[in-house]
Amino acid sequence: MNDIDDSYQTNYRSITVRTTDGSTINGKVNISPDQRVSELFTQRDVSFIVMVDVVLKDAVGKIRFINKDHIVWVEPEDL
């Protein structure tokens, strides 16, 4: 029953997101090795992004699903 693919690798990138209500969210998103952060936001078939290790007000280390329609801007952290 435990069919986890051992070849799956994570590639987390730190980003900062500003939402329409003025919230600033810091966290990480998982992208494919051949993908850019910006491609997460241009995919039309996906309405939400998943952020992990989120820092938002009093929440630290949480997971958040952010509706892309409510994002004003995104800033990826330089490597």
N, C-alpha and C. Protein backbone atom coordinates (compact mmCIF):
# COMPACT_ATOMS: atom_id res chain seq x y z
N MET A 1 0.81 -1.19 0.00
CA MET A 1 0.00 0.00 0.00
C MET A 1 0.86 1.26 0.00
N ASN A 2 2.12 1.11 0.36
CA ASN A 2 3.01 2.27 0.44
C ASN A 2 3.80 2.39 -0.85
N ASP A 3 3.22 2.99 -1.89
CA ASP A 3 3.84 3.09 -3.21
C ASP A 3 4.48 4.45 -3.44
N ILE A 4 5.34 4.86 -2.53
CA ILE A 4 6.00 6.14 -2.67
C ILE A 4 7.14 6.00 -3.66
N ASP A 5 7.19 6.93 -4.61
CA ASP A 5 8.23 6.92 -5.63
C ASP A 5 9.52 7.48 -5.04
N ASP A 6 10.54 6.64 -4.88
CA ASP A 6 11.81 7.06 -4.29
C ASP A 6 12.58 8.02 -5.19
N SER A 7 12.24 8.08 -6.48
CA SER A 7 12.96 8.95 -7.39
C SER A 7 12.44 10.39 -7.35
N TYR A 8 11.35 10.64 -6.64
CA TYR A 8 10.79 11.98 -6.55
C TYR A 8 11.70 12.85 -5.69
N GLN A 9 12.08 14.00 -6.22
CA GLN A 9 12.93 14.92 -5.49
C GLN A 9 12.22 16.26 -5.34
N THR A 10 12.44 16.89 -4.22
CA THR A 10 11.86 18.21 -4.00
C THR A 10 12.88 19.29 -4.35
N ASN A 11 12.37 20.40 -4.83
CA ASN A 11 13.19 21.54 -5.19
C ASN A 11 12.49 22.79 -4.67
N TYR A 12 12.68 23.08 -3.39
CA TYR A 12 11.97 24.19 -2.77
C TYR A 12 12.68 25.50 -3.05
N ARG A 13 11.88 26.53 -3.36
CA ARG A 13 12.38 27.89 -3.57
C ARG A 13 11.64 28.82 -2.61
N SER A 14 12.37 29.68 -1.96
CA SER A 14 11.77 30.65 -1.04
C SER A 14 11.19 31.81 -1.83
N ILE A 15 9.97 32.21 -1.44
CA ILE A 15 9.31 33.33 -2.09
C ILE A 15 8.59 34.19 -1.06
N THR A 16 8.30 35.41 -1.46
CA THR A 16 7.45 36.31 -0.69
C THR A 16 6.26 36.66 -1.58
N VAL A 17 5.06 36.58 -1.00
CA VAL A 17 3.82 36.84 -1.75
C VAL A 17 3.07 37.97 -1.06
N ARG A 18 2.54 38.90 -1.85
CA ARG A 18 1.66 39.95 -1.33
C ARG A 18 0.27 39.66 -1.89
N THR A 19 -0.73 39.63 -1.01
CA THR A 19 -2.10 39.34 -1.43
C THR A 19 -2.94 40.62 -1.49
N THR A 20 -4.11 40.52 -2.07
CA THR A 20 -4.97 41.68 -2.27
C THR A 20 -5.44 42.30 -0.95
N ASP A 21 -5.44 41.54 0.14
CA ASP A 21 -5.83 42.10 1.43
C ASP A 21 -4.66 42.75 2.16
N GLY A 22 -3.48 42.80 1.50
CA GLY A 22 -2.31 43.46 2.07
C GLY A 22 -1.40 42.55 2.87
N SER A 23 -1.74 41.27 2.98
CA SER A 23 -0.90 40.34 3.72
C SER A 23 0.38 40.04 2.95
N THR A 24 1.47 39.91 3.68
CA THR A 24 2.74 39.49 3.10
C THR A 24 3.06 38.11 3.66
N ILE A 25 3.23 37.15 2.77
CA ILE A 25 3.44 35.76 3.17
C ILE A 25 4.82 35.33 2.70
N ASN A 26 5.61 34.83 3.63
CA ASN A 26 6.92 34.27 3.31
C ASN A 26 6.84 32.76 3.44
N GLY A 27 7.44 32.05 2.49
CA GLY A 27 7.42 30.60 2.55
C GLY A 27 8.17 30.00 1.39
N LYS A 28 7.91 28.74 1.14
CA LYS A 28 8.59 28.01 0.07
C LYS A 28 7.58 27.32 -0.82
N VAL A 29 7.92 27.22 -2.11
CA VAL A 29 7.13 26.45 -3.06
C VAL A 29 8.03 25.38 -3.67
N ASN A 30 7.44 24.27 -4.05
CA ASN A 30 8.18 23.18 -4.67
C ASN A 30 8.01 23.27 -6.18
N ILE A 31 9.11 23.35 -6.89
CA ILE A 31 9.05 23.42 -8.35
C ILE A 31 9.85 22.27 -8.94
N SER A 32 9.54 21.93 -10.17
CA SER A 32 10.29 20.90 -10.90
C SER A 32 11.69 21.41 -11.19
N PRO A 33 12.65 20.50 -11.34
CA PRO A 33 14.02 20.94 -11.62
C PRO A 33 14.16 21.81 -12.87
N ASP A 34 13.31 21.60 -13.87
CA ASP A 34 13.40 22.37 -15.11
C ASP A 34 12.37 23.51 -15.17
N GLN A 35 11.81 23.88 -14.02
CA GLN A 35 10.75 24.87 -13.96
C GLN A 35 11.24 26.15 -13.26
N ARG A 36 10.68 27.28 -13.67
CA ARG A 36 10.95 28.55 -12.99
C ARG A 36 9.80 28.86 -12.05
N VAL A 37 10.06 29.65 -11.03
CA VAL A 37 9.02 30.03 -10.08
C VAL A 37 7.85 30.69 -10.80
N SER A 38 8.14 31.52 -11.77
CA SER A 38 7.08 32.25 -12.47
C SER A 38 6.08 31.33 -13.16
N GLU A 39 6.53 30.14 -13.54
CA GLU A 39 5.63 29.20 -14.22
C GLU A 39 4.53 28.69 -13.31
N LEU A 40 4.73 28.71 -12.00
CA LEU A 40 3.66 28.33 -11.07
C LEU A 40 2.46 29.26 -11.21
N PHE A 41 2.73 30.51 -11.53
CA PHE A 41 1.69 31.53 -11.56
C PHE A 41 1.09 31.73 -12.94
N THR A 42 1.68 31.16 -13.96
CA THR A 42 1.16 31.29 -15.31
C THR A 42 0.37 30.06 -15.76
N GLN A 43 0.41 28.98 -15.00
CA GLN A 43 -0.38 27.78 -15.33
C GLN A 43 -1.85 28.09 -15.09
N ARG A 44 -2.63 28.07 -16.13
CA ARG A 44 -4.04 28.44 -16.03
C ARG A 44 -4.91 27.33 -15.43
N ASP A 45 -4.47 26.09 -15.51
CA ASP A 45 -5.29 24.97 -15.04
C ASP A 45 -5.18 24.76 -13.52
N VAL A 46 -4.32 25.52 -12.85
CA VAL A 46 -4.14 25.39 -11.41
C VAL A 46 -4.50 26.73 -10.76
N SER A 47 -5.51 26.72 -9.87
CA SER A 47 -5.99 27.97 -9.26
C SER A 47 -5.26 28.33 -7.97
N PHE A 48 -4.59 27.37 -7.36
CA PHE A 48 -3.94 27.60 -6.08
C PHE A 48 -2.47 27.22 -6.15
N ILE A 49 -1.66 27.90 -5.34
CA ILE A 49 -0.28 27.46 -5.14
C ILE A 49 -0.19 26.94 -3.71
N VAL A 50 0.71 26.03 -3.48
CA VAL A 50 0.91 25.46 -2.15
C VAL A 50 2.23 26.01 -1.62
N MET A 51 2.17 26.63 -0.46
CA MET A 51 3.37 27.14 0.20
C MET A 51 3.59 26.38 1.50
N VAL A 52 4.84 26.02 1.77
CA VAL A 52 5.20 25.33 3.01
C VAL A 52 6.15 26.22 3.81
N ASP A 53 6.35 25.88 5.07
CA ASP A 53 7.19 26.67 5.98
C ASP A 53 6.79 28.14 5.95
N VAL A 54 5.48 28.38 5.99
CA VAL A 54 4.93 29.73 5.87
C VAL A 54 5.13 30.53 7.15
N VAL A 55 5.51 31.79 6.98
CA VAL A 55 5.55 32.75 8.07
C VAL A 55 4.54 33.83 7.73
N LEU A 56 3.50 33.94 8.56
CA LEU A 56 2.42 34.90 8.34
C LEU A 56 1.84 35.28 9.69
N LYS A 57 2.05 36.51 10.09
CA LYS A 57 1.58 37.00 11.40
C LYS A 57 2.08 36.07 12.49
N ASP A 58 1.17 35.39 13.21
CA ASP A 58 1.59 34.52 14.30
C ASP A 58 1.74 33.06 13.87
N ALA A 59 1.54 32.76 12.60
CA ALA A 59 1.69 31.39 12.10
C ALA A 59 3.10 31.19 11.55
N VAL A 60 3.78 30.19 12.06
CA VAL A 60 5.14 29.88 11.61
C VAL A 60 5.21 28.39 11.30
N GLY A 61 5.77 28.05 10.12
CA GLY A 61 5.95 26.66 9.76
C GLY A 61 4.70 25.97 9.26
N LYS A 62 3.70 26.73 8.88
CA LYS A 62 2.43 26.17 8.41
C LYS A 62 2.46 25.91 6.91
N ILE A 63 1.44 25.22 6.44
CA ILE A 63 1.21 25.01 5.01
C ILE A 63 -0.01 25.84 4.63
N ARG A 64 0.09 26.58 3.52
CA ARG A 64 -1.02 27.41 3.06
C ARG A 64 -1.27 27.16 1.59
N PHE A 65 -2.54 27.15 1.22
CA PHE A 65 -2.96 27.08 -0.17
C PHE A 65 -3.44 28.48 -0.53
N ILE A 66 -2.77 29.12 -1.48
CA ILE A 66 -3.04 30.51 -1.82
C ILE A 66 -3.73 30.57 -3.18
N ASN A 67 -4.89 31.23 -3.22
CA ASN A 67 -5.61 31.41 -4.48
C ASN A 67 -4.86 32.43 -5.34
N LYS A 68 -4.47 32.04 -6.54
CA LYS A 68 -3.68 32.90 -7.41
C LYS A 68 -4.44 34.17 -7.81
N ASP A 69 -5.76 34.14 -7.78
CA ASP A 69 -6.55 35.33 -8.13
C ASP A 69 -6.39 36.45 -7.09
N HIS A 70 -5.87 36.13 -5.92
CA HIS A 70 -5.73 37.11 -4.84
C HIS A 70 -4.28 37.51 -4.59
N ILE A 71 -3.41 37.21 -5.55
CA ILE A 71 -2.00 37.57 -5.42
C ILE A 71 -1.73 38.85 -6.21
N VAL A 72 -1.09 39.80 -5.55
CA VAL A 72 -0.73 41.07 -6.19
C VAL A 72 0.65 40.95 -6.81
N TRP A 73 1.62 40.45 -6.04
CA TRP A 73 2.96 40.24 -6.57
C TRP A 73 3.67 39.10 -5.83
N VAL A 74 4.71 38.58 -6.47
CA VAL A 74 5.54 37.52 -5.91
C VAL A 74 6.99 37.87 -6.13
N GLU A 75 7.80 37.68 -5.11
CA GLU A 75 9.22 37.94 -5.22
C GLU A 75 9.99 36.68 -4.83
N PRO A 76 10.66 36.04 -5.79
CA PRO A 76 11.49 34.88 -5.43
C PRO A 76 12.77 35.35 -4.76
N GLU A 77 13.24 34.55 -3.81
CA GLU A 77 14.49 34.86 -3.14
C GLU A 77 15.63 34.40 -4.02
N ASP A 78 16.64 35.24 -4.16
CA ASP A 78 17.79 34.88 -4.99
C ASP A 78 18.54 33.71 -4.36
N LEU A 79 19.11 32.89 -5.24
CA LEU A 79 19.91 31.76 -4.77
C LEU A 79 21.28 32.19 -4.38
